[in-house]
Amino acid sequence: MHKLSVAIITFNEEKNIERCIRSVQDIADEIVVVDSYSTDATVEICKKLNVSCILHPFEGHIQQKNYARMLCKYDLVLSLDADEALSDTLRASIQTIKQNHTADGYTCNRLNHFCGTPVHHCGWYPDISLRLWNRNKGEWGGNNPHDKFIMHPNTTIIHLQGDILHYTVHTVEQAIAQINSFSTISAQSKYSQGKSSSITKIVIYPLWRFIRNYILKLGFLDGLTGFIISKNAAYAVYLKYLKLYYMQKTNSNKQ
């Protein structure tokens, strides 16, 4: 049977980390938690569950997850965020993979929850994600905060049955704070890549995002939750390009 490492990154996740760890305890041969100096009870909860935390300064989601990947003892690695947990079906699928490991990477669906409500539309499901892989066959990449695991060329990938249960936010206040934080990170990432914003993008891109999520992605079928998510997505795009616009303007005035 193949050994499994589970890698989790944390920062102030006392509300989520116990659920995440308990969902993998019976299939993990090792749990690696990399914490960026939490100021809440995250580290204490891990210790209570006999899981040690490695403290490491946060340099970005991609960098932190690659650091955690390299700390893993076993080649077969499952990567989770602290606000995620495995469904029973996915846990059984991974147990089968441990017995018969035939591919380099494995994808699964992710079922996102908004304030406790599972969301099946808005482009939020099935939200296929590559989370189980041979750590030597790829690395984390993408653009912060929207990281993704990128497999090396000529690798094989299989889709697993079951869902990662993602508990995105618990309150409206938390959702707004997350939008503000992530839009800043996204704007900074785009600026560092030489991407530009404009008044047209600030106006048109959010409108298109709402239409795409609420109408084309059938967000209206999720009722009020679908409307809120689609509106929040549009607001996130608006903030991202607005912040990028003023980053350009501010730095242009300095030259």
C-alpha atoms as a PDB file:
ATOM      1  CA  MET A   1       0.000   0.000   0.000  1.00  0.00           C
ATOM      2  CA  HIS A   2       1.230   3.504  -0.870  1.00  0.00           C
ATOM      3  CA  LYS A   3       1.827   5.989   1.951  1.00  0.00           C
ATOM      4  CA  LEU A   4      -0.073   9.307   1.872  1.00  0.00           C
ATOM      5  CA  SER A   5       1.030  12.749   3.046  1.00  0.00           C
ATOM      6  CA  VAL A   6      -1.610  15.435   3.585  1.00  0.00           C
ATOM      7  CA  ALA A   7      -0.385  19.042   3.270  1.00  0.00           C
ATOM      8  CA  ILE A   8      -2.368  21.937   4.788  1.00  0.00           C
ATOM      9  CA  ILE A   9      -1.454  25.631   5.051  1.00  0.00           C
ATOM     10  CA  THR A  10      -3.012  27.749   7.788  1.00  0.00           C
ATOM     11  CA  PHE A  11      -3.349  31.226   9.222  1.00  0.00           C
ATOM     12  CA  ASN A  12      -5.915  31.919  11.951  1.00  0.00           C
ATOM     13  CA  GLU A  13      -8.031  28.885  11.054  1.00  0.00           C
ATOM     14  CA  GLU A  14      -9.284  27.892  14.505  1.00  0.00           C
ATOM     15  CA  LYS A  15     -12.860  27.629  13.177  1.00  0.00           C
ATOM     16  CA  ASN A  16     -11.905  25.215  10.385  1.00  0.00           C
ATOM     17  CA  ILE A  17      -8.739  23.261  11.066  1.00  0.00           C
ATOM     18  CA  GLU A  18     -10.178  20.540  13.326  1.00  0.00           C
ATOM     19  CA  ARG A  19     -12.836  19.583  10.758  1.00  0.00           C
ATOM     20  CA  CYS A  20     -10.178  19.456   8.037  1.00  0.00           C
ATOM     21  CA  ILE A  21      -7.764  17.272  10.021  1.00  0.00           C
ATOM     22  CA  ARG A  22     -10.428  14.865  11.279  1.00  0.00           C
ATOM     23  CA  SER A  23     -11.657  14.300   7.710  1.00  0.00           C
ATOM     24  CA  VAL A  24      -8.254  12.845   6.691  1.00  0.00           C
ATOM     25  CA  GLN A  25      -6.957  11.248   9.880  1.00  0.00           C
ATOM     26  CA  ASP A  26      -8.013   7.710   8.977  1.00  0.00           C
ATOM     27  CA  ILE A  27      -6.345   7.741   5.538  1.00  0.00           C
ATOM     28  CA  ALA A  28      -3.264   9.930   6.147  1.00  0.00           C
ATOM     29  CA  ASP A  29       0.080   8.402   7.029  1.00  0.00           C
ATOM     30  CA  GLU A  30       1.404  11.902   7.680  1.00  0.00           C
ATOM     31  CA  ILE A  31      -0.235  15.321   8.105  1.00  0.00           C
ATOM     32  CA  VAL A  32       1.953  18.357   7.425  1.00  0.00           C
ATOM     33  CA  VAL A  33       0.568  21.722   8.575  1.00  0.00           C
ATOM     34  CA  VAL A  34       2.479  24.856   7.622  1.00  0.00           C
ATOM     35  CA  ASP A  35       1.276  27.822   9.646  1.00  0.00           C
ATOM     36  CA  SER A  36       2.170  31.457   8.967  1.00  0.00           C
ATOM     37  CA  TYR A  37       2.262  32.505  12.649  1.00  0.00           C
ATOM     38  CA  SER A  38      -1.425  32.346  13.566  1.00  0.00           C
ATOM     39  CA  THR A  39      -2.529  34.567  16.440  1.00  0.00           C
ATOM     40  CA  ASP A  40      -5.554  32.409  17.329  1.00  0.00           C
ATOM     41  CA  ALA A  41      -5.815  28.803  18.572  1.00  0.00           C
ATOM     42  CA  THR A  42      -4.901  27.126  15.269  1.00  0.00           C
ATOM     43  CA  VAL A  43      -1.548  25.740  16.450  1.00  0.00           C
ATOM     44  CA  GLU A  44      -2.990  24.580  19.798  1.00  0.00           C
ATOM     45  CA  ILE A  45      -5.809  22.698  18.032  1.00  0.00           C
ATOM     46  CA  CYS A  46      -3.279  20.929  15.811  1.00  0.00           C
ATOM     47  CA  LYS A  47      -1.268  19.889  18.869  1.00  0.00           C
ATOM     48  CA  LYS A  48      -4.448  18.597  20.524  1.00  0.00           C
ATOM     49  CA  LEU A  49      -4.980  16.386  17.474  1.00  0.00           C
ATOM     50  CA  ASN A  50      -1.322  15.209  17.600  1.00  0.00           C
ATOM     51  CA  VAL A  51      -0.446  17.128  14.439  1.00  0.00           C
ATOM     52  CA  SER A  52       2.628  19.349  14.589  1.00  0.00           C
ATOM     53  CA  CYS A  53       2.746  22.748  12.868  1.00  0.00           C
ATOM     54  CA  ILE A  54       5.782  24.060  11.033  1.00  0.00           C
ATOM     55  CA  LEU A  55       5.912  27.857  11.328  1.00  0.00           C
ATOM     56  CA  HIS A  56       6.924  29.633   8.134  1.00  0.00           C
ATOM     57  CA  PRO A  57       6.518  33.275   7.020  1.00  0.00           C
ATOM     58  CA  PHE A  58       3.780  33.733   4.417  1.00  0.00           C
ATOM     59  CA  GLU A  59       5.215  34.776   1.044  1.00  0.00           C
ATOM     60  CA  GLY A  60       2.144  33.957  -1.047  1.00  0.00           C
ATOM     61  CA  HIS A  61      -0.271  31.052  -1.479  1.00  0.00           C
ATOM     62  CA  ILE A  62       1.826  29.447  -4.222  1.00  0.00           C
ATOM     63  CA  GLN A  63       5.086  29.748  -2.307  1.00  0.00           C
ATOM     64  CA  GLN A  64       3.553  28.450   0.937  1.00  0.00           C
ATOM     65  CA  LYS A  65       1.984  25.417  -0.709  1.00  0.00           C
ATOM     66  CA  ASN A  66       5.196  24.522  -2.536  1.00  0.00           C
ATOM     67  CA  TYR A  67       7.050  24.792   0.778  1.00  0.00           C
ATOM     68  CA  ALA A  68       4.542  22.403   2.357  1.00  0.00           C
ATOM     69  CA  ARG A  69       4.858  20.036  -0.608  1.00  0.00           C
ATOM     70  CA  MET A  70       8.609  19.780  -0.172  1.00  0.00           C
ATOM     71  CA  LEU A  71       8.238  19.010   3.552  1.00  0.00           C
ATOM     72  CA  CYS A  72       6.120  15.943   2.833  1.00  0.00           C
ATOM     73  CA  LYS A  73       7.775  12.617   3.543  1.00  0.00           C
ATOM     74  CA  TYR A  74       5.835  10.564   0.959  1.00  0.00           C
ATOM     75  CA  ASP A  75       5.522  11.070  -2.790  1.00  0.00           C
ATOM     76  CA  LEU A  76       1.724  10.689  -2.831  1.00  0.00           C
ATOM     77  CA  VAL A  77       0.402  14.024  -1.527  1.00  0.00           C
ATOM     78  CA  LEU A  78      -3.105  15.311  -0.864  1.00  0.00           C
ATOM     79  CA  SER A  79      -3.269  19.110  -0.572  1.00  0.00           C
ATOM     80  CA  LEU A  80      -6.131  20.778   1.293  1.00  0.00           C
ATOM     81  CA  ASP A  81      -6.917  24.272   2.502  1.00  0.00           C
ATOM     82  CA  ALA A  82      -7.875  24.533   6.158  1.00  0.00           C
ATOM     83  CA  ASP A  83     -11.484  25.420   5.262  1.00  0.00           C
ATOM     84  CA  GLU A  84     -11.882  22.186   3.276  1.00  0.00           C
ATOM     85  CA  ALA A  85     -12.752  18.601   4.230  1.00  0.00           C
ATOM     86  CA  LEU A  86     -13.280  15.295   2.418  1.00  0.00           C
ATOM     87  CA  SER A  87     -16.688  13.798   1.724  1.00  0.00           C
ATOM     88  CA  ASP A  88     -17.086  10.145   2.704  1.00  0.00           C
ATOM     89  CA  THR A  89     -17.123   9.136  -0.968  1.00  0.00           C
ATOM     90  CA  LEU A  90     -13.896  10.970  -1.758  1.00  0.00           C
ATOM     91  CA  ARG A  91     -12.198   9.537   1.330  1.00  0.00           C
ATOM     92  CA  ALA A  92     -13.098   6.025   0.114  1.00  0.00           C
ATOM     93  CA  SER A  93     -11.799   6.861  -3.380  1.00  0.00           C
ATOM     94  CA  ILE A  94      -8.451   7.996  -1.973  1.00  0.00           C
ATOM     95  CA  GLN A  95      -8.197   4.859   0.168  1.00  0.00           C
ATOM     96  CA  THR A  96      -8.583   2.831  -3.042  1.00  0.00           C
ATOM     97  CA  ILE A  97      -5.838   4.877  -4.707  1.00  0.00           C
ATOM     98  CA  LYS A  98      -3.503   4.097  -1.825  1.00  0.00           C
ATOM     99  CA  GLN A  99      -3.989   0.418  -2.596  1.00  0.00           C
ATOM    100  CA  ASN A 100      -3.693   0.794  -6.372  1.00  0.00           C
ATOM    101  CA  HIS A 101      -1.829   3.973  -7.334  1.00  0.00           C
ATOM    102  CA  THR A 102      -1.909   4.031 -11.166  1.00  0.00           C
ATOM    103  CA  ALA A 103      -1.776   7.714 -12.236  1.00  0.00           C
ATOM    104  CA  ASP A 104       0.463  10.722 -11.574  1.00  0.00           C
ATOM    105  CA  GLY A 105      -2.385  12.993 -10.464  1.00  0.00           C
ATOM    106  CA  TYR A 106      -6.040  12.802  -9.477  1.00  0.00           C
ATOM    107  CA  THR A 107      -8.788  15.388  -9.827  1.00  0.00           C
ATOM    108  CA  CYS A 108     -12.064  15.610  -7.926  1.00  0.00           C
ATOM    109  CA  ASN A 109     -15.080  17.898  -7.681  1.00  0.00           C
ATOM    110  CA  ARG A 110     -15.231  20.631  -5.071  1.00  0.00           C
ATOM    111  CA  LEU A 111     -18.570  21.537  -3.497  1.00  0.00           C
ATOM    112  CA  ASN A 112     -18.372  25.117  -2.258  1.00  0.00           C
ATOM    113  CA  HIS A 113     -20.548  26.390   0.605  1.00  0.00           C
ATOM    114  CA  PHE A 114     -21.591  30.008   1.170  1.00  0.00           C
ATOM    115  CA  CYS A 115     -22.655  30.816   4.750  1.00  0.00           C
ATOM    116  CA  GLY A 116     -23.442  27.130   5.281  1.00  0.00           C
ATOM    117  CA  THR A 117     -25.363  26.637   2.014  1.00  0.00           C
ATOM    118  CA  PRO A 118     -23.954  24.291  -0.676  1.00  0.00           C
ATOM    119  CA  VAL A 119     -23.813  26.009  -4.076  1.00  0.00           C
ATOM    120  CA  HIS A 120     -24.423  23.896  -7.189  1.00  0.00           C
ATOM    121  CA  HIS A 121     -24.358  26.620  -9.870  1.00  0.00           C
ATOM    122  CA  CYS A 122     -22.811  30.108 -10.408  1.00  0.00           C
ATOM    123  CA  GLY A 123     -19.733  28.371 -11.857  1.00  0.00           C
ATOM    124  CA  TRP A 124     -19.017  27.066  -8.350  1.00  0.00           C
ATOM    125  CA  TYR A 125     -19.695  23.393  -9.100  1.00  0.00           C
ATOM    126  CA  PRO A 126     -18.288  20.954 -10.037  1.00  0.00           C
ATOM    127  CA  ASP A 127     -15.190  23.198  -9.681  1.00  0.00           C
ATOM    128  CA  ILE A 128     -12.861  20.348 -10.676  1.00  0.00           C
ATOM    129  CA  SER A 129      -9.603  20.537  -8.745  1.00  0.00           C
ATOM    130  CA  LEU A 130      -6.291  18.664  -8.924  1.00  0.00           C
ATOM    131  CA  ARG A 131      -5.392  17.940  -5.293  1.00  0.00           C
ATOM    132  CA  LEU A 132      -3.881  14.442  -5.128  1.00  0.00           C
ATOM    133  CA  TRP A 133      -0.603  13.884  -6.962  1.00  0.00           C
ATOM    134  CA  ASN A 134       2.927  12.589  -7.014  1.00  0.00           C
ATOM    135  CA  ARG A 135       4.872  15.506  -5.546  1.00  0.00           C
ATOM    136  CA  ASN A 136       7.726  14.907  -8.002  1.00  0.00           C
ATOM    137  CA  LYS A 137       5.468  15.261 -11.066  1.00  0.00           C
ATOM    138  CA  GLY A 138       4.505  18.933 -10.734  1.00  0.00           C
ATOM    139  CA  GLU A 139       4.425  22.067  -8.585  1.00  0.00           C
ATOM    140  CA  TRP A 140       2.102  24.842  -7.510  1.00  0.00           C
ATOM    141  CA  GLY A 141       1.786  27.744  -9.951  1.00  0.00           C
ATOM    142  CA  GLY A 142      -0.815  30.162 -11.292  1.00  0.00           C
ATOM    143  CA  ASN A 143      -1.357  33.670  -9.929  1.00  0.00           C
ATOM    144  CA  ASN A 144      -1.830  34.501  -6.254  1.00  0.00           C
ATOM    145  CA  PRO A 145      -4.287  34.049  -4.639  1.00  0.00           C
ATOM    146  CA  HIS A 146      -5.671  31.711  -7.337  1.00  0.00           C
ATOM    147  CA  ASP A 147      -3.039  28.989  -7.193  1.00  0.00           C
ATOM    148  CA  LYS A 148      -3.223  25.686  -9.044  1.00  0.00           C
ATOM    149  CA  PHE A 149      -1.095  22.564  -9.185  1.00  0.00           C
ATOM    150  CA  ILE A 150       0.589  22.239 -12.591  1.00  0.00           C
ATOM    151  CA  MET A 151       1.602  18.757 -13.675  1.00  0.00           C
ATOM    152  CA  HIS A 152       4.726  18.149 -15.737  1.00  0.00           C
ATOM    153  CA  PRO A 153       4.299  17.200 -19.430  1.00  0.00           C
ATOM    154  CA  ASN A 154       3.299  13.627 -20.311  1.00  0.00           C
ATOM    155  CA  THR A 155       1.782  12.869 -16.912  1.00  0.00           C
ATOM    156  CA  THR A 156      -1.445  10.921 -16.410  1.00  0.00           C
ATOM    157  CA  ILE A 157      -4.492  12.235 -14.544  1.00  0.00           C
ATOM    158  CA  ILE A 158      -7.613  10.357 -13.354  1.00  0.00           C
ATOM    159  CA  HIS A 159     -10.854  11.818 -11.950  1.00  0.00           C
ATOM    160  CA  LEU A 160     -12.054  10.498  -8.580  1.00  0.00           C
ATOM    161  CA  GLN A 161     -15.578  10.075  -7.235  1.00  0.00           C
ATOM    162  CA  GLY A 162     -16.576  12.292  -4.310  1.00  0.00           C
ATOM    163  CA  ASP A 163     -16.257  15.948  -3.329  1.00  0.00           C
ATOM    164  CA  ILE A 164     -13.933  18.234  -1.455  1.00  0.00           C
ATOM    165  CA  LEU A 165     -16.308  20.136   0.826  1.00  0.00           C
ATOM    166  CA  HIS A 166     -15.236  23.780   0.801  1.00  0.00           C
ATOM    167  CA  TYR A 167     -16.630  26.036   3.524  1.00  0.00           C
ATOM    168  CA  THR A 168     -15.690  29.351   1.941  1.00  0.00           C
ATOM    169  CA  VAL A 169     -17.179  31.908   4.338  1.00  0.00           C
ATOM    170  CA  HIS A 170     -19.422  31.728   7.397  1.00  0.00           C
ATOM    171  CA  THR A 171     -20.778  35.294   7.424  1.00  0.00           C
ATOM    172  CA  VAL A 172     -21.506  38.116   4.998  1.00  0.00           C
ATOM    173  CA  GLU A 173     -18.916  40.237   6.819  1.00  0.00           C
ATOM    174  CA  GLN A 174     -16.285  37.563   6.224  1.00  0.00           C
ATOM    175  CA  ALA A 175     -17.234  37.398   2.534  1.00  0.00           C
ATOM    176  CA  ILE A 176     -16.772  41.151   2.120  1.00  0.00           C
ATOM    177  CA  ALA A 177     -13.436  41.097   3.936  1.00  0.00           C
ATOM    178  CA  GLN A 178     -12.247  38.210   1.747  1.00  0.00           C
ATOM    179  CA  ILE A 179     -13.270  40.043  -1.430  1.00  0.00           C
ATOM    180  CA  ASN A 180     -11.309  43.102  -0.330  1.00  0.00           C
ATOM    181  CA  SER A 181      -8.216  41.069   0.568  1.00  0.00           C
ATOM    182  CA  PHE A 182      -8.200  38.831  -2.519  1.00  0.00           C
ATOM    183  CA  SER A 183      -8.877  41.717  -4.915  1.00  0.00           C
ATOM    184  CA  THR A 184      -5.801  43.504  -3.567  1.00  0.00           C
ATOM    185  CA  ILE A 185      -3.628  40.414  -4.027  1.00  0.00           C
ATOM    186  CA  SER A 186      -5.009  39.893  -7.568  1.00  0.00           C
ATOM    187  CA  ALA A 187      -4.423  43.532  -8.506  1.00  0.00           C
ATOM    188  CA  GLN A 188      -0.848  43.389  -7.215  1.00  0.00           C
ATOM    189  CA  SER A 189      -0.238  40.156  -9.130  1.00  0.00           C
ATOM    190  CA  LYS A 190      -1.545  41.658 -12.363  1.00  0.00           C
ATOM    191  CA  TYR A 191       0.493  44.819 -11.847  1.00  0.00           C
ATOM    192  CA  SER A 192       3.682  42.815 -11.312  1.00  0.00           C
ATOM    193  CA  GLN A 193       2.980  41.002 -14.601  1.00  0.00           C
ATOM    194  CA  GLY A 194       2.569  44.275 -16.485  1.00  0.00           C
ATOM    195  CA  LYS A 195      -1.205  43.872 -16.909  1.00  0.00           C
ATOM    196  CA  SER A 196      -3.251  47.056 -17.260  1.00  0.00           C
ATOM    197  CA  SER A 197      -6.651  48.387 -16.229  1.00  0.00           C
ATOM    198  CA  SER A 198      -8.902  51.032 -17.770  1.00  0.00           C
ATOM    199  CA  ILE A 199     -12.241  52.729 -17.159  1.00  0.00           C
ATOM    200  CA  THR A 200     -13.772  50.385 -19.738  1.00  0.00           C
ATOM    201  CA  LYS A 201     -12.523  47.310 -17.879  1.00  0.00           C
ATOM    202  CA  ILE A 202     -13.720  48.721 -14.548  1.00  0.00           C
ATOM    203  CA  VAL A 203     -17.243  49.119 -15.966  1.00  0.00           C
ATOM    204  CA  ILE A 204     -17.620  46.206 -18.418  1.00  0.00           C
ATOM    205  CA  TYR A 205     -15.781  43.320 -16.744  1.00  0.00           C
ATOM    206  CA  PRO A 206     -17.889  43.299 -13.525  1.00  0.00           C
ATOM    207  CA  LEU A 207     -21.114  43.453 -15.556  1.00  0.00           C
ATOM    208  CA  TRP A 208     -19.997  40.529 -17.685  1.00  0.00           C
ATOM    209  CA  ARG A 209     -19.010  38.518 -14.600  1.00  0.00           C
ATOM    210  CA  PHE A 210     -22.496  38.951 -13.107  1.00  0.00           C
ATOM    211  CA  ILE A 211     -24.216  37.952 -16.365  1.00  0.00           C
ATOM    212  CA  ARG A 212     -21.945  34.935 -16.751  1.00  0.00           C
ATOM    213  CA  ASN A 213     -22.415  33.636 -13.189  1.00  0.00           C
ATOM    214  CA  TYR A 214     -26.075  34.442 -12.649  1.00  0.00           C
ATOM    215  CA  ILE A 215     -27.494  33.684 -16.101  1.00  0.00           C
ATOM    216  CA  LEU A 216     -25.078  31.600 -18.183  1.00  0.00           C
ATOM    217  CA  LYS A 217     -23.854  29.562 -15.187  1.00  0.00           C
ATOM    218  CA  LEU A 218     -27.450  29.213 -13.891  1.00  0.00           C
ATOM    219  CA  GLY A 219     -26.820  31.035 -10.622  1.00  0.00           C
ATOM    220  CA  PHE A 220     -30.502  31.942 -10.449  1.00  0.00           C
ATOM    221  CA  LEU A 221     -31.222  28.277  -9.682  1.00  0.00           C
ATOM    222  CA  ASP A 222     -29.467  28.760  -6.332  1.00  0.00           C
ATOM    223  CA  GLY A 223     -32.037  31.391  -5.331  1.00  0.00           C
ATOM    224  CA  LEU A 224     -30.960  34.314  -3.171  1.00  0.00           C
ATOM    225  CA  THR A 225     -27.596  32.665  -2.495  1.00  0.00           C
ATOM    226  CA  GLY A 226     -26.925  32.523  -6.241  1.00  0.00           C
ATOM    227  CA  PHE A 227     -27.752  36.215  -6.617  1.00  0.00           C
ATOM    228  CA  ILE A 228     -25.494  37.199  -3.716  1.00  0.00           C
ATOM    229  CA  ILE A 229     -22.593  35.107  -5.028  1.00  0.00           C
ATOM    230  CA  SER A 230     -22.941  36.504  -8.552  1.00  0.00           C
ATOM    231  CA  LYS A 231     -23.128  40.063  -7.227  1.00  0.00           C
ATOM    232  CA  ASN A 232     -20.101  39.484  -4.982  1.00  0.00           C
ATOM    233  CA  ALA A 233     -18.140  38.034  -7.900  1.00  0.00           C
ATOM    234  CA  ALA A 234     -18.897  41.147  -9.951  1.00  0.00           C
ATOM    235  CA  TYR A 235     -17.861  43.368  -7.039  1.00  0.00           C
ATOM    236  CA  ALA A 236     -14.582  41.456  -6.675  1.00  0.00           C
ATOM    237  CA  VAL A 237     -13.774  42.045 -10.362  1.00  0.00           C
ATOM    238  CA  TYR A 238     -14.695  45.730  -9.988  1.00  0.00           C
ATOM    239  CA  LEU A 239     -12.362  46.156  -7.001  1.00  0.00           C
ATOM    240  CA  LYS A 240      -9.524  44.275  -8.693  1.00  0.00           C
ATOM    241  CA  TYR A 241      -9.479  46.490 -11.769  1.00  0.00           C
ATOM    242  CA  LEU A 242     -10.159  49.655  -9.769  1.00  0.00           C
ATOM    243  CA  LYS A 243      -7.182  48.950  -7.505  1.00  0.00           C
ATOM    244  CA  LEU A 244      -5.014  48.067 -10.502  1.00  0.00           C
ATOM    245  CA  TYR A 245      -6.061  51.333 -12.185  1.00  0.00           C
ATOM    246  CA  TYR A 246      -4.909  53.397  -9.208  1.00  0.00           C
ATOM    247  CA  MET A 247      -1.708  51.397  -8.848  1.00  0.00           C
ATOM    248  CA  GLN A 248      -0.877  52.354 -12.436  1.00  0.00           C
ATOM    249  CA  LYS A 249      -1.881  55.981 -11.886  1.00  0.00           C
ATOM    250  CA  THR A 250       0.072  56.339  -8.624  1.00  0.00           C
ATOM    251  CA  ASN A 251       3.257  54.797 -10.002  1.00  0.00           C
ATOM    252  CA  SER A 252       2.947  56.773 -13.237  1.00  0.00           C
ATOM    253  CA  ASN A 253       2.838  60.037 -11.266  1.00  0.00           C
ATOM    254  CA  LYS A 254       6.028  59.045  -9.431  1.00  0.00           C
ATOM    255  CA  GLN A 255       7.974  58.737 -12.699  1.00  0.00           C
END
